Full PDB file with SEQRES, HELIX, SHEET, SSBOND, CRYST1, ORIGX, SCALE, CONECT and MASTER records, all heavy atoms in Angstrom:
SEQRES   1 A   43  LEU ALA GLY LEU ALA MET ALA VAL THR LEU ALA LEU PRO          
SEQRES   2 A   43  ASN THR THR VAL ARG THR ALA GLY LEU GLY LEU ALA GLY          
SEQRES   3 A   43  ALA GLY ASN GLU ILE GLU ILE PRO LEU PHE PHE LEU PRO          
SEQRES   4 A   43  SER SER ALA VAL                                              
HELIX    1 AA1 ALA A    2  ALA A   11  1                                  10    
HELIX    2 AA2 THR A   19  LEU A   22  1                                   4    
HELIX    3 AA3 LEU A   35  PHE A   37  5                                   3    
HELIX    4 AA4 PRO A   39  ALA A   42  5                                   4    
SHEET    1 AA1 2 THR A  15  ARG A  18  0                                        
SHEET    2 AA1 2 GLU A  30  ILE A  33 -1                                        
CRYST1    1.000    1.000    1.000  90.00  90.00  90.00 P 1           1          
ORIGX1      1.000000  0.000000  0.000000        0.00000                         
ORIGX2      0.000000  1.000000  0.000000        0.00000                         
ORIGX3      0.000000  0.000000  1.000000        0.00000                         
SCALE1      1.000000  0.000000  0.000000        0.00000                         
SCALE2      0.000000  1.000000  0.000000        0.00000                         
SCALE3      0.000000  0.000000  1.000000        0.00000                         
ATOM      1  N   LEU A   1      23.380 -44.427  99.739  1.00  0.00           N  
ATOM      2  CA  LEU A   1      21.909 -44.670  99.541  1.00  0.00           C  
ATOM      3  C   LEU A   1      21.187 -43.434  99.006  1.00  0.00           C  
ATOM      4  O   LEU A   1      20.396 -43.443  98.076  1.00  0.00           O  
ATOM      5  CB  LEU A   1      21.255 -45.059 100.905  1.00  0.00           C  
ATOM      6  CG  LEU A   1      19.697 -45.243 100.906  1.00  0.00           C  
ATOM      7  CD1 LEU A   1      19.336 -46.299  99.899  1.00  0.00           C  
ATOM      8  CD2 LEU A   1      19.232 -45.560 102.315  1.00  0.00           C  
ATOM      9  N   ALA A   2      21.592 -42.254  99.573  1.00  0.00           N  
ATOM     10  CA  ALA A   2      20.932 -40.976  99.105  1.00  0.00           C  
ATOM     11  C   ALA A   2      21.408 -40.688  97.706  1.00  0.00           C  
ATOM     12  O   ALA A   2      20.639 -40.248  96.874  1.00  0.00           O  
ATOM     13  CB  ALA A   2      21.329 -39.854 100.088  1.00  0.00           C  
ATOM     14  N   GLY A   3      22.681 -40.945  97.401  1.00  0.00           N  
ATOM     15  CA  GLY A   3      23.169 -40.715  96.070  1.00  0.00           C  
ATOM     16  C   GLY A   3      22.558 -41.588  95.049  1.00  0.00           C  
ATOM     17  O   GLY A   3      22.165 -41.155  93.931  1.00  0.00           O  
ATOM     18  N   LEU A   4      22.260 -42.872  95.382  1.00  0.00           N  
ATOM     19  CA  LEU A   4      21.582 -43.783  94.444  1.00  0.00           C  
ATOM     20  C   LEU A   4      20.170 -43.315  94.238  1.00  0.00           C  
ATOM     21  O   LEU A   4      19.643 -43.326  93.089  1.00  0.00           O  
ATOM     22  CB  LEU A   4      21.596 -45.195  95.048  1.00  0.00           C  
ATOM     23  CG  LEU A   4      20.836 -46.278  94.225  1.00  0.00           C  
ATOM     24  CD1 LEU A   4      21.528 -46.393  92.882  1.00  0.00           C  
ATOM     25  CD2 LEU A   4      20.933 -47.627  94.985  1.00  0.00           C  
ATOM     26  N   ALA A   5      19.481 -42.862  95.304  1.00  0.00           N  
ATOM     27  CA  ALA A   5      18.115 -42.383  95.165  1.00  0.00           C  
ATOM     28  C   ALA A   5      18.087 -41.107  94.251  1.00  0.00           C  
ATOM     29  O   ALA A   5      17.192 -40.972  93.414  1.00  0.00           O  
ATOM     30  CB  ALA A   5      17.559 -42.023  96.543  1.00  0.00           C  
ATOM     31  N   MET A   6      19.066 -40.237  94.376  1.00  0.00           N  
ATOM     32  CA  MET A   6      19.107 -39.020  93.522  1.00  0.00           C  
ATOM     33  C   MET A   6      19.411 -39.421  92.110  1.00  0.00           C  
ATOM     34  O   MET A   6      18.865 -38.797  91.197  1.00  0.00           O  
ATOM     35  CB  MET A   6      20.187 -38.057  94.073  1.00  0.00           C  
ATOM     36  CG  MET A   6      19.794 -37.407  95.393  1.00  0.00           C  
ATOM     37  SD  MET A   6      18.318 -36.434  95.252  1.00  0.00           S  
ATOM     38  CE  MET A   6      18.801 -35.189  94.042  1.00  0.00           C  
ATOM     39  N   ALA A   7      20.271 -40.384  91.921  1.00  0.00           N  
ATOM     40  CA  ALA A   7      20.553 -40.893  90.494  1.00  0.00           C  
ATOM     41  C   ALA A   7      19.315 -41.428  89.834  1.00  0.00           C  
ATOM     42  O   ALA A   7      19.057 -41.119  88.656  1.00  0.00           O  
ATOM     43  CB  ALA A   7      21.692 -41.902  90.564  1.00  0.00           C  
ATOM     44  N   VAL A   8      18.533 -42.177  90.601  1.00  0.00           N  
ATOM     45  CA  VAL A   8      17.281 -42.722  90.025  1.00  0.00           C  
ATOM     46  C   VAL A   8      16.318 -41.598  89.732  1.00  0.00           C  
ATOM     47  O   VAL A   8      15.645 -41.603  88.683  1.00  0.00           O  
ATOM     48  CB  VAL A   8      16.636 -43.714  91.047  1.00  0.00           C  
ATOM     49  CG1 VAL A   8      15.284 -44.155  90.553  1.00  0.00           C  
ATOM     50  CG2 VAL A   8      17.525 -44.931  91.150  1.00  0.00           C  
ATOM     51  N   THR A   9      16.242 -40.580  90.601  1.00  0.00           N  
ATOM     52  CA  THR A   9      15.325 -39.471  90.372  1.00  0.00           C  
ATOM     53  C   THR A   9      15.764 -38.722  89.149  1.00  0.00           C  
ATOM     54  O   THR A   9      14.862 -38.258  88.368  1.00  0.00           O  
ATOM     55  CB  THR A   9      15.377 -38.530  91.636  1.00  0.00           C  
ATOM     56  OG1 THR A   9      15.010 -39.284  92.777  1.00  0.00           O  
ATOM     57  CG2 THR A   9      14.379 -37.395  91.467  1.00  0.00           C  
ATOM     58  N   LEU A  10      17.111 -38.510  88.909  1.00  0.00           N  
ATOM     59  CA  LEU A  10      17.586 -37.844  87.700  1.00  0.00           C  
ATOM     60  C   LEU A  10      17.262 -38.645  86.502  1.00  0.00           C  
ATOM     61  O   LEU A  10      16.995 -38.031  85.374  1.00  0.00           O  
ATOM     62  CB  LEU A  10      19.079 -37.624  87.794  1.00  0.00           C  
ATOM     63  CG  LEU A  10      19.570 -36.370  88.667  1.00  0.00           C  
ATOM     64  CD1 LEU A  10      21.082 -36.455  88.828  1.00  0.00           C  
ATOM     65  CD2 LEU A  10      19.183 -35.101  87.932  1.00  0.00           C  
ATOM     66  N   ALA A  11      17.240 -39.950  86.571  1.00  0.00           N  
ATOM     67  CA  ALA A  11      16.960 -40.722  85.361  1.00  0.00           C  
ATOM     68  C   ALA A  11      15.484 -40.810  85.034  1.00  0.00           C  
ATOM     69  O   ALA A  11      15.138 -41.210  83.921  1.00  0.00           O  
ATOM     70  CB  ALA A  11      17.498 -42.216  85.611  1.00  0.00           C  
ATOM     71  N   LEU A  12      14.610 -40.420  85.937  1.00  0.00           N  
ATOM     72  CA  LEU A  12      13.167 -40.475  85.642  1.00  0.00           C  
ATOM     73  C   LEU A  12      12.857 -39.472  84.568  1.00  0.00           C  
ATOM     74  O   LEU A  12      13.449 -38.352  84.494  1.00  0.00           O  
ATOM     75  CB  LEU A  12      12.359 -40.227  86.942  1.00  0.00           C  
ATOM     76  CG  LEU A  12      12.422 -41.297  87.993  1.00  0.00           C  
ATOM     77  CD1 LEU A  12      11.713 -40.822  89.249  1.00  0.00           C  
ATOM     78  CD2 LEU A  12      11.791 -42.611  87.480  1.00  0.00           C  
ATOM     79  N   PRO A  13      11.836 -39.747  83.764  1.00  0.00           N  
ATOM     80  CA  PRO A  13      11.453 -38.745  82.717  1.00  0.00           C  
ATOM     81  C   PRO A  13      10.840 -37.497  83.374  1.00  0.00           C  
ATOM     82  O   PRO A  13      10.293 -37.580  84.458  1.00  0.00           O  
ATOM     83  CB  PRO A  13      10.426 -39.543  81.889  1.00  0.00           C  
ATOM     84  CG  PRO A  13       9.891 -40.621  82.762  1.00  0.00           C  
ATOM     85  CD  PRO A  13      11.096 -40.990  83.689  1.00  0.00           C  
ATOM     86  N   ASN A  14      10.990 -36.403  82.634  1.00  0.00           N  
ATOM     87  CA  ASN A  14      10.386 -35.165  83.209  1.00  0.00           C  
ATOM     88  C   ASN A  14       8.877 -35.303  83.310  1.00  0.00           C  
ATOM     89  O   ASN A  14       8.259 -36.162  82.612  1.00  0.00           O  
ATOM     90  CB  ASN A  14      10.679 -34.010  82.265  1.00  0.00           C  
ATOM     91  CG  ASN A  14      12.186 -33.731  82.215  1.00  0.00           C  
ATOM     92  OD1 ASN A  14      12.937 -34.105  83.128  1.00  0.00           O  
ATOM     93  ND2 ASN A  14      12.633 -33.163  81.059  1.00  0.00           N  
ATOM     94  N   THR A  15       8.276 -34.522  84.119  1.00  0.00           N  
ATOM     95  CA  THR A  15       6.798 -34.576  84.315  1.00  0.00           C  
ATOM     96  C   THR A  15       6.235 -33.178  84.036  1.00  0.00           C  
ATOM     97  O   THR A  15       6.888 -32.202  84.213  1.00  0.00           O  
ATOM     98  CB  THR A  15       6.435 -35.097  85.687  1.00  0.00           C  
ATOM     99  OG1 THR A  15       5.001 -35.269  85.786  1.00  0.00           O  
ATOM    100  CG2 THR A  15       6.861 -34.105  86.761  1.00  0.00           C  
ATOM    101  N   THR A  16       4.930 -33.233  83.725  1.00  0.00           N  
ATOM    102  CA  THR A  16       4.187 -31.981  83.539  1.00  0.00           C  
ATOM    103  C   THR A  16       3.360 -31.731  84.774  1.00  0.00           C  
ATOM    104  O   THR A  16       2.693 -32.584  85.319  1.00  0.00           O  
ATOM    105  CB  THR A  16       3.270 -32.051  82.339  1.00  0.00           C  
ATOM    106  OG1 THR A  16       4.010 -32.275  81.114  1.00  0.00           O  
ATOM    107  CG2 THR A  16       2.535 -30.691  82.160  1.00  0.00           C  
ATOM    108  N   VAL A  17       3.455 -30.479  85.338  1.00  0.00           N  
ATOM    109  CA  VAL A  17       2.807 -30.171  86.511  1.00  0.00           C  
ATOM    110  C   VAL A  17       1.757 -29.059  86.240  1.00  0.00           C  
ATOM    111  O   VAL A  17       2.084 -28.016  85.546  1.00  0.00           O  
ATOM    112  CB  VAL A  17       3.808 -29.648  87.623  1.00  0.00           C  
ATOM    113  CG1 VAL A  17       3.043 -29.189  88.868  1.00  0.00           C  
ATOM    114  CG2 VAL A  17       4.813 -30.752  87.917  1.00  0.00           C  
ATOM    115  N   ARG A  18       0.534 -29.262  86.737  1.00  0.00           N  
ATOM    116  CA  ARG A  18      -0.521 -28.259  86.617  1.00  0.00           C  
ATOM    117  C   ARG A  18      -0.331 -27.167  87.637  1.00  0.00           C  
ATOM    118  O   ARG A  18      -0.419 -27.452  88.839  1.00  0.00           O  
ATOM    119  CB  ARG A  18      -1.897 -28.864  86.704  1.00  0.00           C  
ATOM    120  CG  ARG A  18      -2.232 -29.867  85.564  1.00  0.00           C  
ATOM    121  CD  ARG A  18      -3.602 -30.456  85.678  1.00  0.00           C  
ATOM    122  NE  ARG A  18      -3.780 -31.188  86.941  1.00  0.00           N  
ATOM    123  CZ  ARG A  18      -3.549 -32.489  87.024  1.00  0.00           C  
ATOM    124  NH1 ARG A  18      -3.114 -33.196  85.988  1.00  0.00           N  
ATOM    125  NH2 ARG A  18      -3.745 -33.112  88.194  1.00  0.00           N  
ATOM    126  N   THR A  19      -0.064 -25.979  87.264  1.00  0.00           N  
ATOM    127  CA  THR A  19       0.180 -24.897  88.207  1.00  0.00           C  
ATOM    128  C   THR A  19      -1.057 -24.576  88.983  1.00  0.00           C  
ATOM    129  O   THR A  19      -0.890 -24.041  90.134  1.00  0.00           O  
ATOM    130  CB  THR A  19       0.682 -23.609  87.482  1.00  0.00           C  
ATOM    131  OG1 THR A  19      -0.305 -23.232  86.475  1.00  0.00           O  
ATOM    132  CG2 THR A  19       1.979 -23.888  86.798  1.00  0.00           C  
ATOM    133  N   ALA A  20      -2.238 -24.830  88.520  1.00  0.00           N  
ATOM    134  CA  ALA A  20      -3.423 -24.551  89.338  1.00  0.00           C  
ATOM    135  C   ALA A  20      -3.434 -25.384  90.547  1.00  0.00           C  
ATOM    136  O   ALA A  20      -3.894 -24.904  91.617  1.00  0.00           O  
ATOM    137  CB  ALA A  20      -4.680 -24.836  88.436  1.00  0.00           C  
ATOM    138  N   GLY A  21      -2.958 -26.578  90.497  1.00  0.00           N  
ATOM    139  CA  GLY A  21      -2.944 -27.376  91.692  1.00  0.00           C  
ATOM    140  C   GLY A  21      -1.936 -26.974  92.791  1.00  0.00           C  
ATOM    141  O   GLY A  21      -2.095 -27.349  93.930  1.00  0.00           O  
ATOM    142  N   LEU A  22      -1.011 -26.169  92.316  1.00  0.00           N  
ATOM    143  CA  LEU A  22       0.003 -25.643  93.267  1.00  0.00           C  
ATOM    144  C   LEU A  22      -0.369 -24.222  93.837  1.00  0.00           C  
ATOM    145  O   LEU A  22       0.371 -23.649  94.621  1.00  0.00           O  
ATOM    146  CB  LEU A  22       1.353 -25.564  92.601  1.00  0.00           C  
ATOM    147  CG  LEU A  22       1.894 -26.949  92.122  1.00  0.00           C  
ATOM    148  CD1 LEU A  22       3.221 -26.705  91.415  1.00  0.00           C  
ATOM    149  CD2 LEU A  22       2.048 -27.852  93.289  1.00  0.00           C  
ATOM    150  N   GLY A  23      -1.473 -23.670  93.292  1.00  0.00           N  
ATOM    151  CA  GLY A  23      -1.871 -22.281  93.698  1.00  0.00           C  
ATOM    152  C   GLY A  23      -0.935 -21.224  93.212  1.00  0.00           C  
ATOM    153  O   GLY A  23      -0.775 -20.192  93.836  1.00  0.00           O  
ATOM    154  N   LEU A  24      -0.292 -21.453  92.082  1.00  0.00           N  
ATOM    155  CA  LEU A  24       0.653 -20.495  91.500  1.00  0.00           C  
ATOM    156  C   LEU A  24      -0.093 -19.536  90.484  1.00  0.00           C  
ATOM    157  O   LEU A  24      -1.223 -19.826  90.024  1.00  0.00           O  
ATOM    158  CB  LEU A  24       1.765 -21.196  90.708  1.00  0.00           C  
ATOM    159  CG  LEU A  24       2.665 -22.121  91.593  1.00  0.00           C  
ATOM    160  CD1 LEU A  24       3.648 -22.836  90.661  1.00  0.00           C  
ATOM    161  CD2 LEU A  24       3.335 -21.364  92.673  1.00  0.00           C  
ATOM    162  N   ALA A  25       0.539 -18.450  90.229  1.00  0.00           N  
ATOM    163  CA  ALA A  25      -0.026 -17.512  89.241  1.00  0.00           C  
ATOM    164  C   ALA A  25      -0.086 -18.204  87.908  1.00  0.00           C  
ATOM    165  O   ALA A  25       0.724 -19.000  87.544  1.00  0.00           O  
ATOM    166  CB  ALA A  25       0.865 -16.235  89.176  1.00  0.00           C  
ATOM    167  N   GLY A  26      -1.017 -17.714  87.095  1.00  0.00           N  
ATOM    168  CA  GLY A  26      -1.209 -18.358  85.776  1.00  0.00           C  
ATOM    169  C   GLY A  26      -1.958 -19.650  85.910  1.00  0.00           C  
ATOM    170  O   GLY A  26      -1.527 -20.656  85.247  1.00  0.00           O  
ATOM    171  N   ALA A  27      -2.993 -19.710  86.681  1.00  0.00           N  
ATOM    172  CA  ALA A  27      -3.760 -20.978  86.873  1.00  0.00           C  
ATOM    173  C   ALA A  27      -4.169 -21.464  85.566  1.00  0.00           C  
ATOM    174  O   ALA A  27      -4.642 -20.755  84.641  1.00  0.00           O  
ATOM    175  CB  ALA A  27      -4.892 -20.704  87.834  1.00  0.00           C  
ATOM    176  N   GLY A  28      -4.154 -22.758  85.406  1.00  0.00           N  
ATOM    177  CA  GLY A  28      -4.565 -23.468  84.164  1.00  0.00           C  
ATOM    178  C   GLY A  28      -3.455 -23.780  83.325  1.00  0.00           C  
ATOM    179  O   GLY A  28      -3.576 -24.524  82.379  1.00  0.00           O  
ATOM    180  N   ASN A  29      -2.283 -23.125  83.546  1.00  0.00           N  
ATOM    181  CA  ASN A  29      -1.094 -23.390  82.732  1.00  0.00           C  
ATOM    182  C   ASN A  29      -0.399 -24.688  83.268  1.00  0.00           C  
ATOM    183  O   ASN A  29      -0.620 -25.144  84.389  1.00  0.00           O  
ATOM    184  CB  ASN A  29      -0.084 -22.280  82.737  1.00  0.00           C  
ATOM    185  CG  ASN A  29      -0.688 -21.031  82.111  1.00  0.00           C  
ATOM    186  OD1 ASN A  29      -1.501 -21.155  81.223  1.00  0.00           O  
ATOM    187  ND2 ASN A  29      -0.288 -19.835  82.547  1.00  0.00           N  
ATOM    188  N   GLU A  30       0.440 -25.202  82.443  1.00  0.00           N  
ATOM    189  CA  GLU A  30       1.230 -26.380  82.807  1.00  0.00           C  
ATOM    190  C   GLU A  30       2.688 -26.134  82.497  1.00  0.00           C  
ATOM    191  O   GLU A  30       3.090 -25.392  81.580  1.00  0.00           O  
ATOM    192  CB  GLU A  30       0.756 -27.603  81.995  1.00  0.00           C  
ATOM    193  CG  GLU A  30      -0.643 -28.099  82.300  1.00  0.00           C  
ATOM    194  CD  GLU A  30      -1.083 -29.244  81.548  1.00  0.00           C  
ATOM    195  OE1 GLU A  30      -0.343 -29.588  80.528  1.00  0.00           O  
ATOM    196  OE2 GLU A  30      -2.105 -29.889  81.813  1.00  0.00           O  
ATOM    197  N   ILE A  31       3.546 -26.672  83.435  1.00  0.00           N  
ATOM    198  CA  ILE A  31       4.976 -26.529  83.196  1.00  0.00           C  
ATOM    199  C   ILE A  31       5.668 -27.931  83.246  1.00  0.00           C  
ATOM    200  O   ILE A  31       5.164 -28.790  83.975  1.00  0.00           O  
ATOM    201  CB  ILE A  31       5.677 -25.624  84.255  1.00  0.00           C  
ATOM    202  CG1 ILE A  31       5.422 -26.185  85.669  1.00  0.00           C  
ATOM    203  CG2 ILE A  31       5.145 -24.208  84.071  1.00  0.00           C  
ATOM    204  CD1 ILE A  31       6.127 -25.396  86.764  1.00  0.00           C  
ATOM    205  N   GLU A  32       6.735 -28.089  82.576  1.00  0.00           N  
ATOM    206  CA  GLU A  32       7.448 -29.333  82.564  1.00  0.00           C  
ATOM    207  C   GLU A  32       8.687 -29.267  83.442  1.00  0.00           C  
ATOM    208  O   GLU A  32       9.443 -28.250  83.323  1.00  0.00           O  
ATOM    209  CB  GLU A  32       7.917 -29.724  81.156  1.00  0.00           C  
ATOM    210  CG  GLU A  32       8.585 -31.121  81.110  1.00  0.00           C  
ATOM    211  CD  GLU A  32       9.024 -31.433  79.719  1.00  0.00           C  
ATOM    212  OE1 GLU A  32       8.685 -30.730  78.741  1.00  0.00           O  
ATOM    213  OE2 GLU A  32       9.729 -32.482  79.561  1.00  0.00           O  
ATOM    214  N   ILE A  33       8.877 -30.095  84.393  1.00  0.00           N  
ATOM    215  CA  ILE A  33       9.994 -30.073  85.316  1.00  0.00           C  
ATOM    216  C   ILE A  33      10.616 -31.452  85.507  1.00  0.00           C  
ATOM    217  O   ILE A  33       9.937 -32.448  85.358  1.00  0.00           O  
ATOM    218  CB  ILE A  33       9.593 -29.564  86.758  1.00  0.00           C  
ATOM    219  CG1 ILE A  33       8.570 -30.555  87.350  1.00  0.00           C  
ATOM    220  CG2 ILE A  33       8.992 -28.145  86.683  1.00  0.00           C  
ATOM    221  CD1 ILE A  33       8.249 -30.254  88.889  1.00  0.00           C  
ATOM    222  N   PRO A  34      11.993 -31.477  85.754  1.00  0.00           N  
ATOM    223  CA  PRO A  34      12.601 -32.767  86.208  1.00  0.00           C  
ATOM    224  C   PRO A  34      12.141 -33.002  87.618  1.00  0.00           C  
ATOM    225  O   PRO A  34      11.899 -32.171  88.418  1.00  0.00           O  
ATOM    226  CB  PRO A  34      14.037 -32.468  86.102  1.00  0.00           C  
ATOM    227  CG  PRO A  34      14.175 -31.189  85.361  1.00  0.00           C  
ATOM    228  CD  PRO A  34      12.920 -30.403  85.604  1.00  0.00           C  
ATOM    229  N   LEU A  35      12.027 -34.344  87.969  1.00  0.00           N  
ATOM    230  CA  LEU A  35      11.524 -34.683  89.322  1.00  0.00           C  
ATOM    231  C   LEU A  35      12.571 -34.411  90.398  1.00  0.00           C  
ATOM    232  O   LEU A  35      12.209 -34.504  91.598  1.00  0.00           O  
ATOM    233  CB  LEU A  35      11.143 -36.109  89.332  1.00  0.00           C  
ATOM    234  CG  LEU A  35       9.812 -36.375  88.575  1.00  0.00           C  
ATOM    235  CD1 LEU A  35       9.501 -37.835  88.493  1.00  0.00           C  
ATOM    236  CD2 LEU A  35       8.668 -35.688  89.368  1.00  0.00           C  
ATOM    237  N   PHE A  36      13.833 -34.104  90.080  1.00  0.00           N  
ATOM    238  CA  PHE A  36      14.743 -33.772  91.136  1.00  0.00           C  
ATOM    239  C   PHE A  36      14.392 -32.314  91.736  1.00  0.00           C  
ATOM    240  O   PHE A  36      14.951 -31.874  92.715  1.00  0.00           O  
ATOM    241  CB  PHE A  36      16.194 -33.755  90.712  1.00  0.00           C  
ATOM    242  CG  PHE A  36      16.606 -32.658  89.734  1.00  0.00           C  
ATOM    243  CD1 PHE A  36      16.982 -31.400  90.213  1.00  0.00           C  
ATOM    244  CD2 PHE A  36      16.606 -32.856  88.454  1.00  0.00           C  
ATOM    245  CE1 PHE A  36      17.320 -30.383  89.370  1.00  0.00           C  
ATOM    246  CE2 PHE A  36      16.992 -31.930  87.529  1.00  0.00           C  
ATOM    247  CZ  PHE A  36      17.330 -30.611  88.008  1.00  0.00           C  
ATOM    248  N   PHE A  37      13.457 -31.645  91.101  1.00  0.00           N  
ATOM    249  CA  PHE A  37      12.965 -30.342  91.603  1.00  0.00           C  
ATOM    250  C   PHE A  37      12.171 -30.535  92.878  1.00  0.00           C  
ATOM    251  O   PHE A  37      11.794 -29.560  93.571  1.00  0.00           O  
ATOM    252  CB  PHE A  37      12.102 -29.667  90.597  1.00  0.00           C  
ATOM    253  CG  PHE A  37      12.894 -28.788  89.666  1.00  0.00           C  
ATOM    254  CD1 PHE A  37      14.186 -29.093  89.327  1.00  0.00           C  
ATOM    255  CD2 PHE A  37      12.310 -27.682  89.009  1.00  0.00           C  
ATOM    256  CE1 PHE A  37      14.958 -28.281  88.443  1.00  0.00           C  
ATOM    257  CE2 PHE A  37      13.051 -26.857  88.118  1.00  0.00           C  
ATOM    258  CZ  PHE A  37      14.316 -27.193  87.847  1.00  0.00           C  
ATOM    259  N   LEU A  38      11.850 -31.734  93.293  1.00  0.00           N  
ATOM    260  CA  LEU A  38      11.108 -31.988  94.523  1.00  0.00           C  
ATOM    261  C   LEU A  38      11.933 -31.410  95.713  1.00  0.00           C  
ATOM    262  O   LEU A  38      13.105 -31.635  95.776  1.00  0.00           O  
ATOM    263  CB  LEU A  38      10.879 -33.463  94.738  1.00  0.00           C  
ATOM    264  CG  LEU A  38       9.940 -34.190  93.766  1.00  0.00           C  
ATOM    265  CD1 LEU A  38       9.882 -35.674  94.061  1.00  0.00           C  
ATOM    266  CD2 LEU A  38       8.535 -33.604  93.783  1.00  0.00           C  
ATOM    267  N   PRO A  39      11.265 -30.671  96.630  1.00  0.00           N  
ATOM    268  CA  PRO A  39      11.979 -30.092  97.768  1.00  0.00           C  
ATOM    269  C   PRO A  39      12.766 -31.121  98.588  1.00  0.00           C  
ATOM    270  O   PRO A  39      13.832 -30.795  99.186  1.00  0.00           O  
ATOM    271  CB  PRO A  39      10.901 -29.446  98.590  1.00  0.00           C  
ATOM    272  CG  PRO A  39       9.817 -29.089  97.605  1.00  0.00           C  
ATOM    273  CD  PRO A  39       9.831 -30.225  96.568  1.00  0.00           C  
ATOM    274  N   SER A  40      12.311 -32.408  98.623  1.00  0.00           N  
ATOM    275  CA  SER A  40      13.002 -33.390  99.427  1.00  0.00           C  
ATOM    276  C   SER A  40      14.375 -33.673  98.896  1.00  0.00           C  
ATOM    277  O   SER A  40      15.255 -34.138  99.626  1.00  0.00           O  
ATOM    278  CB  SER A  40      12.201 -34.697  99.450  1.00  0.00           C  
ATOM    279  OG  SER A  40      11.973 -35.144  98.079  1.00  0.00           O  
ATOM    280  N   SER A  41      14.656 -33.286  97.592  1.00  0.00           N  
ATOM    281  CA  SER A  41      15.987 -33.609  97.041  1.00  0.00           C  
ATOM    282  C   SER A  41      17.101 -32.713  97.701  1.00  0.00           C  
ATOM    283  O   SER A  41      18.218 -33.058  97.744  1.00  0.00           O  
ATOM    284  CB  SER A  41      15.975 -33.272  95.540  1.00  0.00           C  
ATOM    285  OG  SER A  41      15.106 -34.092  94.878  1.00  0.00           O  
ATOM    286  N   ALA A  42      16.651 -31.528  98.290  1.00  0.00           N  
ATOM    287  CA  ALA A  42      17.624 -30.647  98.897  1.00  0.00           C  
ATOM    288  C   ALA A  42      18.209 -31.300 100.153  1.00  0.00           C  
ATOM    289  O   ALA A  42      19.348 -30.921 100.604  1.00  0.00           O  
ATOM    290  CB  ALA A  42      17.015 -29.335  99.317  1.00  0.00           C  
ATOM    291  N   VAL A  43      17.548 -32.330 100.707  1.00  0.00           N  
ATOM    292  CA  VAL A  43      18.050 -33.022 101.893  1.00  0.00           C  
ATOM    293  C   VAL A  43      19.431 -33.711 101.569  1.00  0.00           C  
ATOM    294  O   VAL A  43      20.168 -34.063 102.514  1.00  0.00           O  
ATOM    295  CB  VAL A  43      16.981 -33.985 102.414  1.00  0.00           C  
ATOM    296  CG1 VAL A  43      17.505 -34.731 103.701  1.00  0.00           C  
ATOM    297  CG2 VAL A  43      15.756 -33.207 102.782  1.00  0.00           C  
TER     298      VAL A  43                                                      
MASTER        0    0    0    4    2    0    0    6  297    1    0    4          
END                                                                             
């Protein structure tokens, strides 16, 4: 079940994340990340 969920996550298109919403340096910038970067994936 976890492997299938990770496979679906890997298949999802990359997303653009606004760094300002995350409180990171360089506010106003945007970065593109795969969604398996979610911390829950480490579980």
